[in-house]
Amino acid sequence: MAPRVRFDAARCVGHGRCYVLAPEVFGEDEAGHCVVLEPAPSGALVDAARLGASNCPEDALAVEDGEGSDPA
């Protein structure tokens, strides 16, 4: 199964690291909180999604490799 971005909006406080590091995958709403632009990234966007997710200080983001796998 293709990688998928998992986002927990309740944890996001708007640090903005995700969309600064990976603007192709993540955007921001009017309050500065994350918006997932590419929920199923492919190719080079997978690496960008992982970079943005791994830099979220609130652990609101993860990239899952497939159904039933651990977040990466």
N, C-alpha and C. Protein backbone atom coordinates (compact mmCIF):
# COMPACT_ATOMS: atom_id res chain seq x y z
N MET A 1 0.84 -1.18 0.00
CA MET A 1 0.00 0.00 0.00
C MET A 1 0.89 1.24 0.00
N ALA A 2 0.44 2.27 -0.66
CA ALA A 2 1.20 3.52 -0.78
C ALA A 2 1.28 4.24 0.57
N PRO A 3 2.33 5.01 0.77
CA PRO A 3 2.45 5.79 2.01
C PRO A 3 1.29 6.78 2.15
N ARG A 4 0.90 7.00 3.38
CA ARG A 4 -0.17 7.96 3.68
C ARG A 4 0.27 8.85 4.83
N VAL A 5 -0.13 10.10 4.76
CA VAL A 5 0.15 11.05 5.84
C VAL A 5 -0.98 10.95 6.85
N ARG A 6 -0.62 10.77 8.10
CA ARG A 6 -1.58 10.79 9.20
C ARG A 6 -1.39 12.10 9.95
N PHE A 7 -2.49 12.82 10.17
CA PHE A 7 -2.43 14.12 10.82
C PHE A 7 -3.46 14.19 11.94
N ASP A 8 -3.01 14.57 13.13
CA ASP A 8 -3.88 14.74 14.28
C ASP A 8 -4.02 16.25 14.52
N ALA A 9 -5.10 16.81 14.00
CA ALA A 9 -5.31 18.26 14.09
C ALA A 9 -5.39 18.75 15.53
N ALA A 10 -5.85 17.91 16.44
CA ALA A 10 -5.96 18.32 17.85
C ALA A 10 -4.60 18.58 18.48
N ARG A 11 -3.55 17.95 17.96
CA ARG A 11 -2.20 18.14 18.50
C ARG A 11 -1.47 19.34 17.89
N CYS A 12 -1.88 19.76 16.70
CA CYS A 12 -1.18 20.83 15.98
C CYS A 12 -1.39 22.17 16.67
N VAL A 13 -0.29 22.86 16.97
CA VAL A 13 -0.37 24.20 17.56
C VAL A 13 0.20 25.27 16.64
N GLY A 14 0.59 24.88 15.44
CA GLY A 14 1.00 25.86 14.44
C GLY A 14 2.46 26.28 14.46
N HIS A 15 3.36 25.40 14.85
CA HIS A 15 4.78 25.74 14.79
C HIS A 15 5.21 26.04 13.36
N GLY A 16 4.63 25.34 12.39
CA GLY A 16 4.91 25.61 10.97
C GLY A 16 6.11 24.92 10.39
N ARG A 17 6.77 24.09 11.15
CA ARG A 17 7.96 23.41 10.62
C ARG A 17 7.61 22.52 9.44
N CYS A 18 6.46 21.86 9.49
CA CYS A 18 6.07 20.93 8.41
C CYS A 18 5.98 21.66 7.08
N TYR A 19 5.25 22.76 7.03
CA TYR A 19 5.06 23.45 5.75
C TYR A 19 6.24 24.31 5.34
N VAL A 20 7.11 24.64 6.27
CA VAL A 20 8.33 25.34 5.88
C VAL A 20 9.31 24.35 5.24
N LEU A 21 9.41 23.14 5.81
CA LEU A 21 10.34 22.13 5.31
C LEU A 21 9.81 21.37 4.10
N ALA A 22 8.49 21.25 3.98
CA ALA A 22 7.89 20.45 2.90
C ALA A 22 6.64 21.14 2.36
N PRO A 23 6.80 22.29 1.72
CA PRO A 23 5.63 23.04 1.24
C PRO A 23 4.87 22.34 0.12
N GLU A 24 5.47 21.32 -0.49
CA GLU A 24 4.79 20.57 -1.53
C GLU A 24 3.76 19.61 -0.93
N VAL A 25 3.93 19.28 0.35
CA VAL A 25 3.08 18.31 1.02
C VAL A 25 2.16 18.96 2.04
N PHE A 26 2.64 19.98 2.73
CA PHE A 26 1.89 20.61 3.81
C PHE A 26 1.70 22.10 3.52
N GLY A 27 0.54 22.60 3.91
CA GLY A 27 0.25 24.02 3.81
C GLY A 27 -0.19 24.51 5.18
N GLU A 28 -0.71 25.73 5.19
CA GLU A 28 -1.18 26.30 6.45
C GLU A 28 -2.57 26.89 6.27
N ASP A 29 -3.35 26.84 7.35
CA ASP A 29 -4.66 27.48 7.32
C ASP A 29 -4.53 28.92 7.80
N GLU A 30 -5.63 29.62 7.93
CA GLU A 30 -5.60 31.03 8.31
C GLU A 30 -5.06 31.26 9.72
N ALA A 31 -5.04 30.22 10.55
CA ALA A 31 -4.50 30.33 11.91
C ALA A 31 -3.05 29.85 11.99
N GLY A 32 -2.49 29.40 10.87
CA GLY A 32 -1.11 28.92 10.87
C GLY A 32 -0.96 27.46 11.19
N HIS A 33 -2.06 26.73 11.28
CA HIS A 33 -2.01 25.30 11.55
C HIS A 33 -1.85 24.52 10.25
N CYS A 34 -1.39 23.30 10.37
CA CYS A 34 -1.11 22.44 9.23
C CYS A 34 -2.36 22.08 8.44
N VAL A 35 -2.17 22.03 7.12
CA VAL A 35 -3.15 21.48 6.20
C VAL A 35 -2.38 20.49 5.33
N VAL A 36 -2.84 19.27 5.23
CA VAL A 36 -2.17 18.26 4.41
C VAL A 36 -2.62 18.44 2.96
N LEU A 37 -1.67 18.78 2.10
CA LEU A 37 -1.97 18.99 0.68
C LEU A 37 -1.86 17.71 -0.13
N GLU A 38 -0.98 16.81 0.31
CA GLU A 38 -0.75 15.53 -0.39
C GLU A 38 -0.90 14.39 0.62
N PRO A 39 -2.12 13.90 0.85
CA PRO A 39 -2.31 12.85 1.84
C PRO A 39 -1.72 11.50 1.45
N ALA A 40 -1.45 11.31 0.16
CA ALA A 40 -0.84 10.06 -0.31
C ALA A 40 0.34 10.41 -1.21
N PRO A 41 1.43 10.90 -0.62
CA PRO A 41 2.57 11.34 -1.42
C PRO A 41 3.24 10.17 -2.14
N SER A 42 3.86 10.49 -3.26
CA SER A 42 4.62 9.48 -4.00
C SER A 42 5.93 10.09 -4.46
N GLY A 43 6.85 9.23 -4.87
CA GLY A 43 8.15 9.69 -5.36
C GLY A 43 8.90 10.51 -4.33
N ALA A 44 9.46 11.63 -4.77
CA ALA A 44 10.24 12.51 -3.90
C ALA A 44 9.39 13.14 -2.81
N LEU A 45 8.08 13.20 -3.01
CA LEU A 45 7.22 13.79 -1.99
C LEU A 45 7.14 12.95 -0.72
N VAL A 46 7.43 11.65 -0.83
CA VAL A 46 7.44 10.80 0.36
C VAL A 46 8.56 11.26 1.29
N ASP A 47 9.72 11.52 0.75
CA ASP A 47 10.83 11.99 1.58
C ASP A 47 10.52 13.35 2.18
N ALA A 48 9.89 14.23 1.41
CA ALA A 48 9.51 15.55 1.92
C ALA A 48 8.49 15.40 3.04
N ALA A 49 7.51 14.51 2.87
CA ALA A 49 6.50 14.27 3.91
C ALA A 49 7.15 13.76 5.19
N ARG A 50 8.09 12.84 5.05
CA ARG A 50 8.79 12.30 6.23
C ARG A 50 9.59 13.40 6.93
N LEU A 51 10.23 14.26 6.17
CA LEU A 51 11.01 15.36 6.76
C LEU A 51 10.09 16.29 7.55
N GLY A 52 8.98 16.69 6.94
CA GLY A 52 8.05 17.57 7.64
C GLY A 52 7.47 16.91 8.88
N ALA A 53 7.07 15.65 8.76
CA ALA A 53 6.47 14.94 9.89
C ALA A 53 7.47 14.74 11.02
N SER A 54 8.69 14.41 10.68
CA SER A 54 9.69 14.14 11.72
C SER A 54 10.12 15.40 12.47
N ASN A 55 9.81 16.55 11.92
CA ASN A 55 10.17 17.81 12.56
C ASN A 55 9.01 18.46 13.30
N CYS A 56 7.89 17.76 13.41
CA CYS A 56 6.75 18.30 14.15
C CYS A 56 7.00 18.10 15.65
N PRO A 57 7.15 19.18 16.41
CA PRO A 57 7.44 19.04 17.84
C PRO A 57 6.26 18.49 18.64
N GLU A 58 5.07 18.51 18.07
CA GLU A 58 3.88 18.02 18.76
C GLU A 58 3.52 16.59 18.36
N ASP A 59 4.31 15.99 17.44
CA ASP A 59 4.01 14.65 16.92
C ASP A 59 2.59 14.56 16.36
N ALA A 60 2.17 15.62 15.69
CA ALA A 60 0.84 15.64 15.08
C ALA A 60 0.83 14.97 13.71
N LEU A 61 2.01 14.68 13.16
CA LEU A 61 2.13 14.12 11.82
C LEU A 61 2.93 12.83 11.84
N ALA A 62 2.58 11.94 10.94
CA ALA A 62 3.35 10.73 10.71
C ALA A 62 3.11 10.29 9.28
N VAL A 63 4.06 9.56 8.73
CA VAL A 63 3.90 8.96 7.42
C VAL A 63 3.86 7.45 7.63
N GLU A 64 2.75 6.85 7.25
CA GLU A 64 2.57 5.42 7.41
C GLU A 64 2.79 4.74 6.07
N ASP A 65 3.55 3.66 6.09
CA ASP A 65 3.88 2.96 4.84
C ASP A 65 2.76 2.12 4.29
N GLY A 66 1.81 1.77 5.08
CA GLY A 66 0.70 0.97 4.60
C GLY A 66 -0.20 0.57 5.74
N GLU A 67 -1.26 -0.09 5.40
CA GLU A 67 -2.25 -0.49 6.38
C GLU A 67 -1.63 -1.37 7.45
N GLY A 68 -1.85 -0.98 8.71
CA GLY A 68 -1.38 -1.78 9.82
C GLY A 68 0.09 -1.62 10.17
N SER A 69 0.81 -0.71 9.51
CA SER A 69 2.23 -0.54 9.82
C SER A 69 2.42 0.57 10.82
N ASP A 70 3.58 0.62 11.42
CA ASP A 70 3.91 1.66 12.36
C ASP A 70 4.22 2.94 11.62
N PRO A 71 3.91 4.11 12.22
CA PRO A 71 4.27 5.38 11.60
C PRO A 71 5.78 5.52 11.50
N ALA A 72 6.20 6.20 10.46
CA ALA A 72 7.64 6.42 10.25
C ALA A 72 7.98 7.87 10.44
